[in-house]
Amino acid sequence: MNEIKSVLHKLEYGIYVVSMGKGQEGNAFTASWLTQVSSEPPMVALAVHNKHQSRRLLIESKAFVVNLLSEGQDGVAKTYYGPAESGYEKLKASEMADSPATGSPLINGAAGYLDCIIVETVAVGNHTLFIGEVKAASLDQNVQMMTTSNSKLHYGG
């Protein structure tokens, strides 16, 4: 089992901040287990630990934003990194706007975003997979995206 964890820990991921909900009922967290799963329609899959308080918010809001970070935005990523049971105060850490398609919290200063509606949830071990259809997106094309390699942040489950 240790060999499996060691190998899985070497997989490369992007580093993102996922936000959901409205106002004080919203939350945001640093995530890396995200991948594109369809091009038509455009969809992404996001894995969230079942103990994470945002799991409930994702189910209730039926939408989320993937705030895309550029290399060097480690401070933003660390603001939203922390224990899954740490409470709902994280949205107060940054200036927010409403995303264009779902109205979910969008972090001002992020390099870009994917604005998604949740179209399916799948139980996968100790995580839930949220399948989101991308309804709006934007990215500063001149940025290098933050990854587990260039940020030294890594989620091992």
N, C-alpha and C. Protein backbone atom coordinates (compact mmCIF):
# COMPACT_ATOMS: atom_id res chain seq x y z
N MET A 1 0.82 -1.20 0.00
CA MET A 1 0.00 0.00 0.00
C MET A 1 0.87 1.26 0.00
N ASN A 2 1.98 1.27 0.73
CA ASN A 2 2.85 2.44 0.74
C ASN A 2 3.43 2.71 -0.64
N GLU A 3 3.73 1.65 -1.39
CA GLU A 3 4.26 1.81 -2.76
C GLU A 3 3.21 2.47 -3.65
N ILE A 4 1.96 2.07 -3.51
CA ILE A 4 0.88 2.67 -4.30
C ILE A 4 0.77 4.15 -3.99
N LYS A 5 0.73 4.50 -2.70
CA LYS A 5 0.65 5.92 -2.32
C LYS A 5 1.85 6.71 -2.83
N SER A 6 3.02 6.12 -2.77
CA SER A 6 4.23 6.79 -3.24
C SER A 6 4.14 7.11 -4.73
N VAL A 7 3.66 6.14 -5.50
CA VAL A 7 3.52 6.36 -6.95
C VAL A 7 2.43 7.38 -7.24
N LEU A 8 1.27 7.27 -6.59
CA LEU A 8 0.18 8.21 -6.82
C LEU A 8 0.58 9.64 -6.44
N HIS A 9 1.42 9.77 -5.42
CA HIS A 9 1.87 11.09 -4.98
C HIS A 9 2.71 11.80 -6.05
N LYS A 10 3.25 11.06 -6.99
CA LYS A 10 4.08 11.63 -8.05
C LYS A 10 3.26 12.15 -9.24
N LEU A 11 1.95 11.85 -9.27
CA LEU A 11 1.13 12.33 -10.38
C LEU A 11 1.07 13.86 -10.37
N GLU A 12 1.05 14.46 -11.52
CA GLU A 12 1.04 15.92 -11.69
C GLU A 12 -0.40 16.43 -11.77
N TYR A 13 -0.68 17.53 -11.06
CA TYR A 13 -2.00 18.15 -11.06
C TYR A 13 -1.86 19.66 -11.13
N GLY A 14 -2.91 20.31 -11.58
CA GLY A 14 -3.01 21.76 -11.45
C GLY A 14 -3.45 22.09 -10.03
N ILE A 15 -3.24 23.32 -9.63
CA ILE A 15 -3.70 23.80 -8.33
C ILE A 15 -4.74 24.88 -8.60
N TYR A 16 -5.91 24.73 -7.99
CA TYR A 16 -7.04 25.62 -8.24
C TYR A 16 -7.69 26.00 -6.92
N VAL A 17 -8.52 27.04 -6.95
CA VAL A 17 -9.39 27.34 -5.83
C VAL A 17 -10.82 27.17 -6.34
N VAL A 18 -11.55 26.26 -5.72
CA VAL A 18 -12.94 26.00 -6.10
C VAL A 18 -13.83 26.76 -5.13
N SER A 19 -14.79 27.50 -5.68
CA SER A 19 -15.73 28.26 -4.85
C SER A 19 -17.15 27.92 -5.24
N MET A 20 -18.05 28.03 -4.25
CA MET A 20 -19.45 27.68 -4.49
C MET A 20 -20.32 28.40 -3.47
N GLY A 21 -21.61 28.43 -3.74
CA GLY A 21 -22.56 29.02 -2.81
C GLY A 21 -22.75 30.50 -3.04
N LYS A 22 -23.46 31.12 -2.12
CA LYS A 22 -23.76 32.55 -2.20
C LYS A 22 -23.48 33.20 -0.86
N GLY A 23 -22.84 34.35 -0.87
CA GLY A 23 -22.64 35.14 0.34
C GLY A 23 -22.01 34.35 1.47
N GLN A 24 -22.57 34.53 2.67
CA GLN A 24 -22.04 33.84 3.85
C GLN A 24 -22.27 32.33 3.80
N GLU A 25 -23.12 31.89 2.93
CA GLU A 25 -23.37 30.46 2.78
C GLU A 25 -22.44 29.83 1.76
N GLY A 26 -21.47 30.57 1.28
CA GLY A 26 -20.52 30.04 0.32
C GLY A 26 -19.24 29.58 0.98
N ASN A 27 -18.37 29.01 0.17
CA ASN A 27 -17.06 28.58 0.67
C ASN A 27 -16.11 28.44 -0.51
N ALA A 28 -14.87 28.29 -0.21
CA ALA A 28 -13.83 28.06 -1.23
C ALA A 28 -12.76 27.18 -0.62
N PHE A 29 -12.13 26.37 -1.47
CA PHE A 29 -11.06 25.51 -1.00
C PHE A 29 -10.06 25.27 -2.13
N THR A 30 -8.81 25.02 -1.75
CA THR A 30 -7.78 24.69 -2.72
C THR A 30 -7.97 23.24 -3.14
N ALA A 31 -7.93 23.02 -4.46
CA ALA A 31 -8.18 21.69 -5.00
C ALA A 31 -7.14 21.38 -6.08
N SER A 32 -6.87 20.10 -6.24
CA SER A 32 -5.98 19.68 -7.32
C SER A 32 -6.54 18.47 -8.08
N TRP A 33 -7.49 17.77 -7.51
CA TRP A 33 -8.03 16.60 -8.18
C TRP A 33 -9.16 17.04 -9.11
N LEU A 34 -8.80 17.61 -10.24
CA LEU A 34 -9.73 18.13 -11.23
C LEU A 34 -9.21 17.78 -12.62
N THR A 35 -10.10 17.35 -13.51
CA THR A 35 -9.69 17.02 -14.86
C THR A 35 -10.84 17.24 -15.83
N GLN A 36 -10.52 17.52 -17.08
CA GLN A 36 -11.53 17.59 -18.13
C GLN A 36 -11.98 16.18 -18.46
N VAL A 37 -13.29 15.98 -18.64
CA VAL A 37 -13.81 14.65 -18.95
C VAL A 37 -14.66 14.61 -20.21
N SER A 38 -14.94 15.76 -20.82
CA SER A 38 -15.72 15.81 -22.06
C SER A 38 -15.43 17.13 -22.77
N SER A 39 -15.45 17.06 -24.10
CA SER A 39 -15.29 18.30 -24.88
C SER A 39 -16.61 18.78 -25.47
N GLU A 40 -17.58 17.86 -25.63
CA GLU A 40 -18.87 18.25 -26.18
C GLU A 40 -19.98 17.52 -25.43
N PRO A 41 -20.63 18.14 -24.47
CA PRO A 41 -20.35 19.50 -24.00
C PRO A 41 -19.09 19.54 -23.15
N PRO A 42 -18.51 20.71 -22.97
CA PRO A 42 -17.30 20.79 -22.14
C PRO A 42 -17.63 20.49 -20.68
N MET A 43 -16.91 19.50 -20.10
CA MET A 43 -17.16 19.10 -18.71
C MET A 43 -15.85 18.83 -17.99
N VAL A 44 -15.88 19.06 -16.69
CA VAL A 44 -14.76 18.73 -15.82
C VAL A 44 -15.27 17.87 -14.68
N ALA A 45 -14.38 17.10 -14.07
CA ALA A 45 -14.70 16.29 -12.90
C ALA A 45 -13.84 16.78 -11.74
N LEU A 46 -14.46 16.95 -10.59
CA LEU A 46 -13.81 17.44 -9.39
C LEU A 46 -14.04 16.44 -8.27
N ALA A 47 -12.97 15.94 -7.64
CA ALA A 47 -13.08 15.01 -6.52
C ALA A 47 -12.99 15.78 -5.21
N VAL A 48 -13.96 15.56 -4.32
CA VAL A 48 -14.02 16.25 -3.03
C VAL A 48 -14.18 15.20 -1.94
N HIS A 49 -13.34 15.29 -0.91
CA HIS A 49 -13.42 14.34 0.21
C HIS A 49 -14.80 14.42 0.85
N ASN A 50 -15.33 13.28 1.22
CA ASN A 50 -16.67 13.22 1.80
C ASN A 50 -16.80 13.96 3.12
N LYS A 51 -15.70 14.17 3.85
CA LYS A 51 -15.75 14.90 5.11
C LYS A 51 -15.68 16.42 4.92
N HIS A 52 -15.38 16.87 3.73
CA HIS A 52 -15.21 18.30 3.46
C HIS A 52 -16.57 19.00 3.52
N GLN A 53 -16.63 20.10 4.29
CA GLN A 53 -17.90 20.81 4.42
C GLN A 53 -18.42 21.34 3.09
N SER A 54 -17.55 21.56 2.13
CA SER A 54 -18.00 22.06 0.83
C SER A 54 -18.76 21.01 0.02
N ARG A 55 -18.62 19.76 0.37
CA ARG A 55 -19.38 18.71 -0.34
C ARG A 55 -20.87 19.01 -0.26
N ARG A 56 -21.35 19.33 0.95
CA ARG A 56 -22.76 19.66 1.13
C ARG A 56 -23.13 20.91 0.33
N LEU A 57 -22.27 21.92 0.37
CA LEU A 57 -22.56 23.16 -0.36
C LEU A 57 -22.61 22.93 -1.87
N LEU A 58 -21.74 22.07 -2.37
CA LEU A 58 -21.76 21.75 -3.79
C LEU A 58 -23.07 21.08 -4.17
N ILE A 59 -23.51 20.15 -3.36
CA ILE A 59 -24.77 19.46 -3.63
C ILE A 59 -25.94 20.44 -3.59
N GLU A 60 -25.95 21.35 -2.61
CA GLU A 60 -27.04 22.31 -2.46
C GLU A 60 -27.04 23.36 -3.57
N SER A 61 -25.87 23.88 -3.91
CA SER A 61 -25.80 24.99 -4.88
C SER A 61 -25.88 24.52 -6.32
N LYS A 62 -25.51 23.25 -6.57
CA LYS A 62 -25.56 22.67 -7.91
C LYS A 62 -24.67 23.42 -8.91
N ALA A 63 -23.66 24.10 -8.39
CA ALA A 63 -22.76 24.87 -9.26
C ALA A 63 -21.45 25.13 -8.53
N PHE A 64 -20.40 25.42 -9.29
CA PHE A 64 -19.12 25.81 -8.70
C PHE A 64 -18.30 26.56 -9.73
N VAL A 65 -17.30 27.28 -9.23
CA VAL A 65 -16.32 27.95 -10.08
C VAL A 65 -14.95 27.37 -9.76
N VAL A 66 -14.20 27.05 -10.80
CA VAL A 66 -12.80 26.69 -10.65
C VAL A 66 -12.02 27.96 -10.94
N ASN A 67 -11.45 28.55 -9.90
CA ASN A 67 -10.61 29.74 -10.06
C ASN A 67 -9.22 29.27 -10.46
N LEU A 68 -8.79 29.64 -11.65
CA LEU A 68 -7.51 29.19 -12.19
C LEU A 68 -6.40 30.10 -11.68
N LEU A 69 -5.34 29.51 -11.18
CA LEU A 69 -4.23 30.26 -10.61
C LEU A 69 -3.02 30.17 -11.50
N SER A 70 -2.25 31.24 -11.50
CA SER A 70 -1.01 31.23 -12.26
C SER A 70 0.15 30.91 -11.34
N GLU A 71 1.24 30.46 -11.94
CA GLU A 71 2.46 30.22 -11.17
C GLU A 71 2.79 31.49 -10.42
N GLY A 72 3.11 31.36 -9.15
CA GLY A 72 3.42 32.51 -8.33
C GLY A 72 2.25 32.98 -7.46
N GLN A 73 1.06 32.43 -7.67
CA GLN A 73 -0.08 32.79 -6.83
C GLN A 73 -0.22 31.83 -5.65
N ASP A 74 0.92 31.39 -5.13
CA ASP A 74 0.93 30.46 -3.99
C ASP A 74 0.17 31.02 -2.80
N GLY A 75 0.28 32.32 -2.58
CA GLY A 75 -0.41 32.94 -1.45
C GLY A 75 -1.91 32.79 -1.55
N VAL A 76 -2.45 32.93 -2.76
CA VAL A 76 -3.89 32.73 -2.96
C VAL A 76 -4.26 31.29 -2.66
N ALA A 77 -3.50 30.35 -3.20
CA ALA A 77 -3.78 28.93 -2.97
C ALA A 77 -3.72 28.60 -1.48
N LYS A 78 -2.73 29.13 -0.77
CA LYS A 78 -2.58 28.82 0.66
C LYS A 78 -3.69 29.44 1.50
N THR A 79 -4.27 30.55 1.05
CA THR A 79 -5.38 31.17 1.76
C THR A 79 -6.55 30.22 1.90
N TYR A 80 -6.76 29.40 0.89
CA TYR A 80 -7.92 28.51 0.86
C TYR A 80 -7.57 27.06 1.16
N TYR A 81 -6.31 26.82 1.50
CA TYR A 81 -5.83 25.48 1.82
C TYR A 81 -6.03 25.27 3.31
N GLY A 82 -6.45 24.10 3.70
CA GLY A 82 -6.60 23.86 5.13
C GLY A 82 -7.50 22.69 5.40
N PRO A 83 -7.71 22.43 6.67
CA PRO A 83 -8.52 21.28 7.06
C PRO A 83 -9.91 21.36 6.45
N ALA A 84 -10.44 20.23 6.11
CA ALA A 84 -11.76 20.15 5.47
C ALA A 84 -12.87 20.62 6.40
N GLU A 85 -12.64 20.63 7.69
CA GLU A 85 -13.68 21.02 8.64
C GLU A 85 -13.42 22.41 9.23
N SER A 86 -12.73 23.29 8.49
CA SER A 86 -12.28 24.56 9.06
C SER A 86 -13.31 25.67 9.05
N GLY A 87 -14.50 25.46 8.55
CA GLY A 87 -15.54 26.48 8.62
C GLY A 87 -15.73 27.21 7.31
N TYR A 88 -16.64 28.20 7.37
CA TYR A 88 -17.09 28.87 6.15
C TYR A 88 -16.59 30.31 6.05
N GLU A 89 -15.50 30.64 6.65
CA GLU A 89 -15.02 32.01 6.65
C GLU A 89 -14.04 32.32 5.52
N LYS A 90 -13.74 31.37 4.68
CA LYS A 90 -12.69 31.54 3.68
C LYS A 90 -13.03 32.57 2.61
N LEU A 91 -14.31 32.79 2.31
CA LEU A 91 -14.67 33.76 1.27
C LEU A 91 -14.34 35.19 1.69
N LYS A 92 -14.16 35.43 2.97
CA LYS A 92 -13.82 36.77 3.45
C LYS A 92 -12.36 37.13 3.16
N ALA A 93 -11.56 36.15 2.72
CA ALA A 93 -10.12 36.36 2.54
C ALA A 93 -9.78 37.15 1.29
N SER A 94 -10.67 37.19 0.30
CA SER A 94 -10.39 37.87 -0.97
C SER A 94 -11.62 38.62 -1.44
N GLU A 95 -11.38 39.59 -2.29
CA GLU A 95 -12.49 40.29 -2.92
C GLU A 95 -13.12 39.37 -3.95
N MET A 96 -14.43 39.27 -3.94
CA MET A 96 -15.15 38.34 -4.80
C MET A 96 -16.10 39.10 -5.73
N ALA A 97 -16.42 38.46 -6.83
CA ALA A 97 -17.46 38.92 -7.75
C ALA A 97 -18.35 37.71 -8.04
N ASP A 98 -19.49 37.94 -8.65
CA ASP A 98 -20.36 36.83 -9.06
C ASP A 98 -19.92 36.34 -10.43
N SER A 99 -19.81 35.04 -10.58
CA SER A 99 -19.45 34.48 -11.88
C SER A 99 -20.59 34.73 -12.88
N PRO A 100 -20.26 34.80 -14.17
CA PRO A 100 -21.26 35.22 -15.16
C PRO A 100 -22.39 34.23 -15.42
N ALA A 101 -22.15 32.93 -15.30
CA ALA A 101 -23.18 31.95 -15.64
C ALA A 101 -23.97 31.45 -14.44
N THR A 102 -23.30 31.18 -13.33
CA THR A 102 -23.97 30.58 -12.18
C THR A 102 -24.10 31.52 -10.98
N GLY A 103 -23.39 32.64 -10.98
CA GLY A 103 -23.42 33.55 -9.85
C GLY A 103 -22.61 33.07 -8.67
N SER A 104 -21.82 32.02 -8.86
CA SER A 104 -20.95 31.52 -7.79
C SER A 104 -19.83 32.51 -7.53
N PRO A 105 -19.21 32.46 -6.34
CA PRO A 105 -18.13 33.39 -6.02
C PRO A 105 -16.93 33.22 -6.96
N LEU A 106 -16.46 34.33 -7.49
CA LEU A 106 -15.32 34.37 -8.39
C LEU A 106 -14.26 35.24 -7.74
N ILE A 107 -13.05 34.70 -7.56
CA ILE A 107 -11.98 35.44 -6.88
C ILE A 107 -11.39 36.48 -7.82
N ASN A 108 -11.50 37.75 -7.44
CA ASN A 108 -10.86 38.81 -8.23
C ASN A 108 -9.35 38.61 -8.18
N GLY A 109 -8.70 38.69 -9.32
CA GLY A 109 -7.26 38.51 -9.39
C GLY A 109 -6.83 37.12 -9.79
N ALA A 110 -7.78 36.19 -9.90
CA ALA A 110 -7.43 34.86 -10.41
C ALA A 110 -7.05 35.00 -11.89
N ALA A 111 -6.22 34.09 -12.38
CA ALA A 111 -5.78 34.14 -13.77
C ALA A 111 -6.91 33.81 -14.74
N GLY A 112 -7.93 33.14 -14.25
CA GLY A 112 -9.08 32.77 -15.07
C GLY A 112 -10.05 31.94 -14.27
N TYR A 113 -11.05 31.41 -14.96
CA TYR A 113 -12.06 30.62 -14.26
C TYR A 113 -12.77 29.67 -15.22
N LEU A 114 -13.39 28.65 -14.63
CA LEU A 114 -14.36 27.78 -15.27
C LEU A 114 -15.62 27.87 -14.43
N ASP A 115 -16.72 28.31 -15.00
CA ASP A 115 -17.99 28.48 -14.30
C ASP A 115 -18.87 27.29 -14.67
N CYS A 116 -19.20 26.44 -13.69
CA CYS A 116 -19.81 25.13 -13.98
C CYS A 116 -21.12 24.90 -13.25
N ILE A 117 -22.03 24.20 -13.93
CA ILE A 117 -23.20 23.65 -13.26
C ILE A 117 -22.95 22.17 -13.05
N ILE A 118 -23.39 21.65 -11.92
CA ILE A 118 -23.18 20.24 -11.61
C ILE A 118 -24.27 19.43 -12.32
N VAL A 119 -23.83 18.48 -13.14
CA VAL A 119 -24.77 17.65 -13.89
C VAL A 119 -24.83 16.22 -13.37
N GLU A 120 -23.85 15.84 -12.55
CA GLU A 120 -23.86 14.49 -12.00
C GLU A 120 -22.91 14.41 -10.81
N THR A 121 -23.24 13.55 -9.85
CA THR A 121 -22.33 13.24 -8.75
C THR A 121 -22.17 11.72 -8.71
N VAL A 122 -20.95 11.30 -8.38
CA VAL A 122 -20.64 9.88 -8.33
C VAL A 122 -19.85 9.61 -7.06
N ALA A 123 -20.28 8.62 -6.27
CA ALA A 123 -19.53 8.21 -5.09
C ALA A 123 -18.32 7.40 -5.54
N VAL A 124 -17.14 7.80 -5.08
CA VAL A 124 -15.89 7.10 -5.43
C VAL A 124 -15.04 6.97 -4.17
N GLY A 125 -15.17 5.85 -3.47
CA GLY A 125 -14.39 5.63 -2.25
C GLY A 125 -14.71 6.68 -1.20
N ASN A 126 -13.68 7.31 -0.64
CA ASN A 126 -13.89 8.33 0.39
C ASN A 126 -14.08 9.73 -0.19
N HIS A 127 -14.29 9.84 -1.50
CA HIS A 127 -14.52 11.11 -2.18
C HIS A 127 -15.83 11.04 -2.97
N THR A 128 -16.32 12.21 -3.34
CA THR A 128 -17.44 12.33 -4.27
C THR A 128 -16.93 13.05 -5.50
N LEU A 129 -17.27 12.53 -6.65
CA LEU A 129 -16.88 13.13 -7.92
C LEU A 129 -18.04 14.00 -8.40
N PHE A 130 -17.76 15.29 -8.58
CA PHE A 130 -18.76 16.22 -9.09
C PHE A 130 -18.43 16.48 -10.56
N ILE A 131 -19.37 16.17 -11.44
CA ILE A 131 -19.20 16.41 -12.87
C ILE A 131 -19.85 17.75 -13.16
N GLY A 132 -19.06 18.69 -13.65
CA GLY A 132 -19.57 20.02 -13.94
C GLY A 132 -19.50 20.34 -15.42
N GLU A 133 -20.60 20.83 -15.96
CA GLU A 133 -20.62 21.32 -17.35
C GLU A 133 -20.18 22.78 -17.33
N VAL A 134 -19.17 23.09 -18.10
CA VAL A 134 -18.61 24.44 -18.14
C VAL A 134 -19.54 25.34 -18.95
N LYS A 135 -20.08 26.37 -18.30
CA LYS A 135 -21.02 27.29 -18.94
C LYS A 135 -20.37 28.61 -19.33
N ALA A 136 -19.24 28.94 -18.70
CA ALA A 136 -18.48 30.16 -19.03
C ALA A 136 -17.04 29.92 -18.60
N ALA A 137 -16.11 30.56 -19.29
CA ALA A 137 -14.69 30.40 -18.97
C ALA A 137 -13.90 31.60 -19.45
N SER A 138 -12.79 31.83 -18.79
CA SER A 138 -11.88 32.89 -19.19
C SER A 138 -10.49 32.55 -18.64
N LEU A 139 -9.46 32.96 -19.37
CA LEU A 139 -8.09 32.75 -18.91
C LEU A 139 -7.18 33.76 -19.59
N ASP A 140 -6.29 34.35 -18.80
CA ASP A 140 -5.22 35.16 -19.35
C ASP A 140 -4.27 34.21 -20.05
N GLN A 141 -4.23 34.24 -21.36
CA GLN A 141 -3.48 33.26 -22.15
C GLN A 141 -1.96 33.37 -21.98
N ASN A 142 -1.48 34.41 -21.34
CA ASN A 142 -0.03 34.61 -21.18
C ASN A 142 0.52 34.09 -19.86
N VAL A 143 -0.29 33.32 -19.12
CA VAL A 143 0.18 32.85 -17.81
C VAL A 143 0.60 31.39 -17.87
N GLN A 144 1.49 31.05 -16.98
CA GLN A 144 1.87 29.65 -16.72
C GLN A 144 1.01 29.20 -15.55
N MET A 145 0.23 28.15 -15.74
CA MET A 145 -0.69 27.69 -14.70
C MET A 145 0.08 27.10 -13.51
N MET A 146 -0.50 27.28 -12.33
CA MET A 146 0.07 26.70 -11.11
C MET A 146 -0.16 25.19 -11.11
N THR A 147 0.88 24.44 -10.75
CA THR A 147 0.79 22.98 -10.69
C THR A 147 1.38 22.49 -9.38
N THR A 148 1.26 21.20 -9.15
CA THR A 148 1.85 20.62 -7.95
C THR A 148 3.38 20.71 -8.00
N SER A 149 3.96 20.79 -9.17
CA SER A 149 5.42 20.88 -9.28
C SER A 149 5.94 22.28 -9.03
N ASN A 150 5.28 23.30 -9.60
CA ASN A 150 5.83 24.66 -9.47
C ASN A 150 5.32 25.39 -8.24
N SER A 151 4.45 24.75 -7.42
CA SER A 151 3.95 25.41 -6.22
C SER A 151 4.36 24.70 -4.94
N LYS A 152 4.75 23.46 -5.04
CA LYS A 152 5.09 22.63 -3.88
C LYS A 152 3.88 22.30 -3.03
N LEU A 153 2.69 22.54 -3.53
CA LEU A 153 1.46 22.12 -2.85
C LEU A 153 1.03 20.80 -3.45
N HIS A 154 0.63 19.85 -2.61
CA HIS A 154 0.24 18.54 -3.12
C HIS A 154 -0.76 17.92 -2.17
N TYR A 155 -1.87 17.46 -2.71
CA TYR A 155 -2.90 16.77 -1.93
C TYR A 155 -2.78 15.28 -2.17
N GLY A 156 -2.59 14.53 -1.13
CA GLY A 156 -2.42 13.10 -1.28
C GLY A 156 -3.64 12.30 -0.87
N GLY A 157 -4.74 12.97 -0.51
CA GLY A 157 -5.96 12.26 -0.14
C GLY A 157 -5.93 11.90 1.29
